[in-house]
């Protein structure tokens, strides 16, 4: 006797159950992934898609696509228009989206991006939303300098003469913008303040074209601010982040560089909120870092 114990091995072929289990799990994940891609595809095409179009976009055969869409319809995530035979998103997603948005802690999600902006620019960074026709500040990262912009959380500011306000206005639907601007008095804070609604609308077109807003001493003399919009999963601008500081530190020569940093951080926040730009990339636009008029000489200005 050597002291070694021999354990009897079970007779018969070795089991393959674990392999089948892993394969089945892979199939389930692949099916879930296809379903999610199908929903994203429908979301990108409001007019709906035919079965064949969905099949081609998913790169799967029509029978698989038919079963997939049947499952989504059974759960209320997709619906079929009987007249056009085109699939659209189902109303079940409305409730899920509302619930998801209620659980979003926007200030907490924005904090690392505000802090990164503060650190890279050495200026105060802020998060704001549109509320009752005004800018409502929800978050901030204070600048290290003694000479800085100190805006408290919960404070409000006008829309027409702040970079955050203009970033929130610029991407509204025309009808929404008209409701906000019609009959509104545009107080003149400095000689640079826009006080006419038509002039403001033309200015907002410039903001949309370049992807960021600039306040060049329009609210306070000696203060410059830049801001960019952050979108949610549906592509709606739901917030804006930006920086503020003395004009002596935020020179016109630095505006384009700072704007690119602000846009990049706003895009990262948007990605965290579920936004994907056309082509699958997160962000507002590649052109967002290009100012409408770049400064060429020390005396030339960037269009606010």
Protein backbone atom coordinates (compact mmCIF):
# COMPACT_ATOMS: atom_id res chain seq x y z
CA UNK A 1 0.00 0.00 0.00
CA UNK A 2 1.35 3.36 -0.96
CA UNK A 3 -1.26 5.43 0.83
CA UNK A 4 -2.57 6.79 -2.48
CA UNK A 5 -6.33 6.60 -2.85
CA UNK A 6 -7.91 5.83 -6.19
CA UNK A 7 -11.19 7.53 -7.03
CA UNK A 8 -13.41 5.54 -9.35
CA UNK A 9 -14.21 7.42 -12.54
CA UNK A 10 -17.79 7.32 -13.82
CA UNK A 11 -18.31 5.14 -16.87
CA UNK A 12 -19.61 6.45 -20.16
CA UNK A 13 -18.60 9.35 -22.41
CA UNK A 14 -17.53 12.62 -20.81
CA UNK A 15 -20.33 15.11 -20.34
CA UNK A 16 -20.60 18.07 -22.74
CA UNK A 17 -23.25 19.93 -20.76
CA UNK A 18 -20.96 22.82 -19.77
CA UNK A 19 -20.09 23.41 -23.43
CA UNK A 20 -23.75 23.43 -24.44
CA UNK A 21 -24.48 25.82 -21.58
CA UNK A 22 -21.83 28.27 -22.70
CA UNK A 23 -23.04 28.07 -26.30
CA UNK A 24 -26.65 28.66 -25.23
CA UNK A 25 -25.57 31.62 -23.13
CA UNK A 26 -23.73 33.06 -26.13
CA UNK A 27 -26.86 32.68 -28.27
CA UNK A 28 -28.96 34.46 -25.68
CA UNK A 29 -26.53 37.38 -25.50
CA UNK A 30 -26.34 37.60 -29.28
CA UNK A 31 -30.12 37.68 -29.49
CA UNK A 32 -30.30 40.44 -26.89
CA UNK A 33 -27.66 42.40 -28.75
CA UNK A 34 -29.60 42.09 -32.00
CA UNK A 35 -32.76 43.27 -30.30
CA UNK A 36 -31.02 46.33 -28.89
CA UNK A 37 -29.46 47.14 -32.26
CA UNK A 38 -32.90 46.81 -33.84
CA UNK A 39 -34.31 49.34 -31.36
CA UNK A 40 -31.45 51.75 -32.04
CA UNK A 41 -32.04 51.33 -35.77
CA UNK A 42 -35.74 52.13 -35.40
CA UNK A 43 -34.89 55.14 -33.22
CA UNK A 44 -32.72 56.55 -36.00
CA UNK A 45 -35.58 56.28 -38.53
CA UNK A 46 -38.77 57.92 -37.20
CA UNK A 47 -40.70 57.11 -40.39
CA UNK A 48 -40.22 53.41 -39.67
CA UNK A 49 -38.55 50.52 -41.49
CA UNK A 50 -39.81 47.54 -43.42
CA UNK A 51 -38.87 44.00 -42.44
CA UNK A 52 -36.44 43.83 -45.34
CA UNK A 53 -34.75 47.08 -44.38
CA UNK A 54 -34.29 45.94 -40.79
CA UNK A 55 -32.98 42.59 -42.01
CA UNK A 56 -30.36 44.29 -44.19
CA UNK A 57 -29.27 46.68 -41.46
CA UNK A 58 -28.91 43.86 -38.93
CA UNK A 59 -27.25 41.61 -41.54
CA UNK A 60 -29.51 38.67 -40.64
CA UNK A 61 -32.07 36.74 -42.68
CA UNK A 62 -35.71 37.79 -42.83
CA UNK A 63 -37.02 34.83 -40.82
CA UNK A 64 -34.72 35.69 -37.90
CA UNK A 65 -35.66 39.35 -38.20
CA UNK A 66 -39.36 38.46 -38.22
CA UNK A 67 -39.01 36.47 -34.99
CA UNK A 68 -36.96 39.24 -33.42
CA UNK A 69 -39.50 41.94 -34.27
CA UNK A 70 -42.32 39.68 -33.09
CA UNK A 71 -40.65 39.39 -29.70
CA UNK A 72 -40.15 43.17 -29.45
CA UNK A 73 -43.77 43.76 -30.42
CA UNK A 74 -45.00 41.27 -27.84
CA UNK A 75 -43.16 43.24 -25.15
CA UNK A 76 -44.40 46.59 -26.44
CA UNK A 77 -40.96 47.78 -27.56
CA UNK A 78 -41.90 47.87 -31.26
CA UNK A 79 -45.11 48.22 -33.26
CA UNK A 80 -46.12 47.51 -36.84
CA UNK A 81 -48.07 50.06 -38.86
CA UNK A 82 -50.78 48.05 -40.59
CA UNK A 83 -51.10 50.55 -43.44
CA UNK A 84 -47.44 50.93 -44.35
CA UNK A 85 -46.13 47.60 -43.00
CA UNK A 86 -43.29 49.51 -41.39
CA UNK A 87 -41.99 48.94 -37.88
CA UNK A 88 -41.63 51.77 -35.38
CA UNK A 89 -40.66 52.10 -31.75
CA UNK A 90 -43.30 50.96 -29.28
CA UNK A 91 -44.87 53.08 -26.57
CA UNK A 92 -43.46 50.85 -23.83
CA UNK A 93 -40.18 52.70 -24.34
CA UNK A 94 -41.78 56.01 -23.37
CA UNK A 95 -42.38 54.87 -19.81
CA UNK A 96 -38.97 53.25 -19.54
CA UNK A 97 -37.29 56.39 -20.82
CA UNK A 98 -39.13 58.59 -18.34
CA UNK A 99 -38.20 56.28 -15.49
CA UNK A 100 -34.57 56.19 -16.58
CA UNK A 101 -34.38 59.97 -16.84
CA UNK A 102 -35.87 60.40 -13.37
CA UNK A 103 -33.06 58.26 -11.98
CA UNK A 104 -30.33 60.32 -13.66
CA UNK A 105 -28.27 62.39 -11.24
CA UNK A 106 -27.19 65.02 -13.74
CA UNK A 107 -24.97 67.07 -11.40
CA UNK A 108 -23.16 63.91 -10.25
CA UNK A 109 -22.65 62.74 -13.83
CA UNK A 110 -21.36 66.16 -14.86
CA UNK A 111 -19.00 66.62 -11.91
CA UNK A 112 -15.90 64.90 -13.38
CA UNK A 113 -16.30 66.88 -16.59
CA UNK A 114 -16.68 70.17 -14.73
CA UNK A 115 -13.60 69.38 -12.66
CA UNK A 116 -11.65 68.43 -15.77
CA UNK A 117 -12.60 71.73 -17.42
CA UNK A 118 -11.64 73.64 -14.28
CA UNK A 119 -8.29 71.87 -14.17
CA UNK A 120 -7.47 72.33 -17.86
CA UNK A 121 -8.52 76.00 -18.08
CA UNK A 122 -7.96 77.17 -14.48
CA UNK A 123 -11.39 78.82 -14.72
CA UNK A 124 -14.72 78.16 -13.00
CA UNK A 125 -16.87 75.54 -14.73
CA UNK A 126 -20.66 75.33 -14.54
CA UNK A 127 -23.56 73.03 -15.41
CA UNK A 128 -26.95 74.52 -16.22
CA UNK A 129 -30.39 73.63 -17.58
CA UNK A 130 -33.28 75.59 -19.04
CA UNK A 131 -35.90 76.28 -16.37
CA UNK A 132 -38.91 78.57 -16.59
CA UNK A 133 -37.32 80.74 -19.24
CA UNK A 134 -34.04 81.15 -17.41
CA UNK A 135 -30.67 79.50 -16.92
CA UNK A 136 -30.69 77.37 -13.76
CA UNK A 137 -27.27 76.43 -12.35
CA UNK A 138 -27.09 72.82 -11.13
CA UNK A 139 -23.38 72.25 -10.68
CA UNK A 140 -20.01 73.97 -10.52
CA UNK A 141 -16.30 73.47 -10.06
CA UNK A 142 -14.72 76.55 -8.54
CA UNK A 143 -11.52 77.96 -9.99
CA UNK A 144 -8.34 78.03 -7.90
CA UNK A 145 -7.76 81.74 -8.51
CA UNK A 146 -8.90 84.38 -6.03
CA UNK A 147 -10.29 86.34 -8.99
CA UNK A 148 -13.02 84.02 -10.26
CA UNK A 149 -16.72 83.71 -11.04
CA UNK A 150 -18.69 82.56 -8.01
CA UNK A 151 -22.18 81.38 -8.95
CA UNK A 152 -24.12 79.33 -6.44
CA UNK A 153 -26.02 76.15 -7.25
CA UNK A 154 -29.67 77.05 -7.70
CA UNK A 155 -28.84 80.54 -8.98
CA UNK A 156 -30.52 81.79 -12.13
CA UNK A 157 -29.35 83.92 -15.04
CA UNK A 158 -30.84 85.34 -18.25
CA UNK A 159 -30.75 83.32 -21.45
CA UNK A 160 -30.03 85.97 -24.06
CA UNK A 161 -26.67 87.22 -22.78
CA UNK A 162 -24.95 84.19 -21.24
CA UNK A 163 -23.07 81.45 -23.03
CA UNK A 164 -24.95 78.75 -21.11
CA UNK A 165 -28.26 80.36 -21.99
CA UNK A 166 -27.42 80.64 -25.67
CA UNK A 167 -26.21 77.02 -25.75
CA UNK A 168 -29.56 75.96 -24.30
CA UNK A 169 -31.56 78.11 -26.71
CA UNK A 170 -29.74 77.39 -29.95
CA UNK A 171 -31.01 73.83 -30.45
CA UNK A 172 -34.65 74.39 -29.51
CA UNK A 173 -37.30 73.72 -32.11
CA UNK A 174 -38.35 76.98 -33.85
CA UNK A 175 -41.79 76.87 -32.25
CA UNK A 176 -40.30 76.40 -28.77
CA UNK A 177 -37.87 79.24 -29.36
CA UNK A 178 -40.67 81.54 -30.49
CA UNK A 179 -42.66 80.81 -27.34
CA UNK A 180 -39.67 81.71 -25.18
CA UNK A 181 -38.71 84.87 -27.04
CA UNK A 182 -42.08 86.36 -28.01
CA UNK A 183 -42.88 89.37 -25.87
CA UNK A 184 -39.73 88.95 -23.79
CA UNK A 185 -37.80 92.03 -22.66
CA UNK A 186 -34.07 91.70 -23.33
CA UNK A 187 -32.39 93.71 -20.62
CA UNK A 188 -29.22 95.50 -21.73
CA UNK A 189 -26.49 94.67 -19.21
CA UNK A 190 -23.57 96.04 -21.24
CA UNK A 191 -23.05 97.71 -24.60
CA UNK A 192 -22.49 94.22 -26.07
CA UNK A 193 -25.82 92.72 -24.95
CA UNK A 194 -28.17 91.54 -27.69
CA UNK A 195 -31.52 93.25 -27.07
CA UNK A 196 -33.51 92.33 -30.19
CA UNK A 197 -35.19 88.94 -30.71
CA UNK A 198 -34.47 88.77 -34.44
CA UNK A 199 -30.82 89.60 -33.87
CA UNK A 200 -30.69 86.92 -31.18
CA UNK A 201 -32.18 84.33 -33.57
CA UNK A 202 -29.54 85.16 -36.18
CA UNK A 203 -26.89 84.86 -33.52
CA UNK A 204 -28.23 81.46 -32.42
CA UNK A 205 -27.80 80.24 -36.00
CA UNK A 206 -24.09 81.03 -35.64
CA UNK A 207 -24.02 79.14 -32.34
CA UNK A 208 -25.61 76.08 -33.96
CA UNK A 209 -23.21 76.23 -36.86
CA UNK A 210 -20.09 76.08 -34.74
CA UNK A 211 -21.45 74.01 -31.85
CA UNK A 212 -20.67 76.33 -28.94
CA UNK A 213 -21.72 79.67 -27.47
CA UNK A 214 -19.59 82.64 -26.50
CA UNK A 215 -20.44 85.45 -24.08
CA UNK A 216 -17.99 88.27 -24.81
CA UNK A 217 -18.69 90.66 -21.92
CA UNK A 218 -22.42 90.64 -22.70
CA UNK A 219 -23.63 90.12 -19.13
CA UNK A 220 -20.73 91.60 -17.19
CA UNK A 221 -17.97 93.90 -18.37
CA UNK A 222 -14.62 92.15 -18.10
CA UNK A 223 -16.12 88.63 -18.06
CA UNK A 224 -16.01 86.05 -20.88
CA UNK A 225 -17.75 82.67 -20.94
CA UNK A 226 -17.97 79.70 -23.30
CA UNK A 227 -20.50 76.87 -23.22
CA UNK A 228 -21.61 73.83 -25.23
CA UNK A 229 -24.77 71.70 -25.18
CA UNK A 230 -25.15 68.17 -23.84
CA UNK A 231 -27.78 65.91 -25.41
CA UNK A 232 -29.70 62.96 -24.04
CA UNK A 233 -30.30 59.60 -25.70
CA UNK A 234 -33.10 61.08 -27.82
CA UNK A 235 -30.81 63.79 -29.15
CA UNK A 236 -32.43 66.60 -27.18
CA UNK A 237 -30.27 69.29 -25.59
CA UNK A 238 -31.01 68.86 -21.89
CA UNK A 239 -28.10 70.75 -20.32
CA UNK A 240 -25.06 72.88 -21.05
CA UNK A 241 -21.64 73.07 -19.48
CA UNK A 242 -19.16 75.88 -19.77
CA UNK A 243 -16.44 78.00 -18.21
CA UNK A 244 -16.33 81.63 -17.07
CA UNK A 245 -13.45 83.90 -16.24
CA UNK A 246 -11.92 87.36 -16.53
CA UNK A 247 -11.41 88.64 -20.06
CA UNK A 248 -7.81 89.33 -19.14
CA UNK A 249 -7.27 85.56 -18.76
CA UNK A 250 -9.68 84.31 -21.44
CA UNK A 251 -8.14 86.20 -24.34
CA UNK A 252 -9.55 86.12 -27.86
CA UNK A 253 -6.44 84.22 -28.89
CA UNK A 254 -7.44 81.40 -26.49
CA UNK A 255 -11.15 81.20 -27.36
CA UNK A 256 -10.89 78.49 -30.02
CA UNK A 257 -8.68 76.26 -27.87
CA UNK A 258 -10.92 76.61 -24.83
CA UNK A 259 -14.05 76.08 -26.94
CA UNK A 260 -12.69 72.75 -28.19
CA UNK A 261 -12.14 71.61 -24.58
CA UNK A 262 -15.65 72.68 -23.56
CA UNK A 263 -17.22 70.91 -26.55
CA UNK A 264 -15.21 67.74 -25.87
CA UNK A 265 -16.40 67.62 -22.25
CA UNK A 266 -20.01 68.37 -23.20
CA UNK A 267 -19.82 65.50 -25.70
CA UNK A 268 -18.52 63.14 -23.03
CA UNK A 269 -21.40 64.10 -20.75
CA UNK A 270 -23.82 63.54 -23.65
CA UNK A 271 -22.31 60.10 -24.25
CA UNK A 272 -22.87 59.27 -20.58
CA UNK A 273 -26.51 60.32 -21.05
CA UNK A 274 -26.82 57.87 -23.94
CA UNK A 275 -26.43 60.21 -26.91
CA UNK A 276 -24.85 58.91 -30.10
CA UNK A 277 -24.29 61.22 -33.04
CA UNK A 278 -24.84 60.17 -36.64
CA UNK A 279 -22.44 57.39 -37.52
CA UNK A 280 -22.42 56.04 -33.97
CA UNK A 281 -19.96 58.53 -32.49
CA UNK A 282 -20.82 60.46 -29.38
CA UNK A 283 -20.83 64.22 -29.67
CA UNK A 284 -22.40 67.28 -31.21
CA UNK A 285 -20.46 67.77 -34.43
CA UNK A 286 -16.95 67.73 -35.80
CA UNK A 287 -17.38 71.36 -36.73
CA UNK A 288 -18.19 72.24 -33.15
CA UNK A 289 -14.67 73.41 -32.38
CA UNK A 290 -14.48 75.88 -35.26
CA UNK A 291 -15.45 79.46 -34.37
CA UNK A 292 -17.52 81.46 -36.82
CA UNK A 293 -14.84 84.12 -37.06
CA UNK A 294 -11.35 83.29 -35.84
CA UNK A 295 -9.27 86.17 -34.44
CA UNK A 296 -6.47 87.21 -36.81
CA UNK A 297 -5.11 90.25 -35.08
CA UNK A 298 -5.02 91.34 -31.41
CA UNK A 299 -7.73 93.89 -32.10
CA UNK A 300 -10.11 91.57 -33.92
CA UNK A 301 -12.96 89.87 -32.09
CA UNK A 302 -14.54 86.45 -32.22
CA UNK A 303 -18.25 86.68 -32.95
CA UNK A 304 -20.00 86.10 -29.60
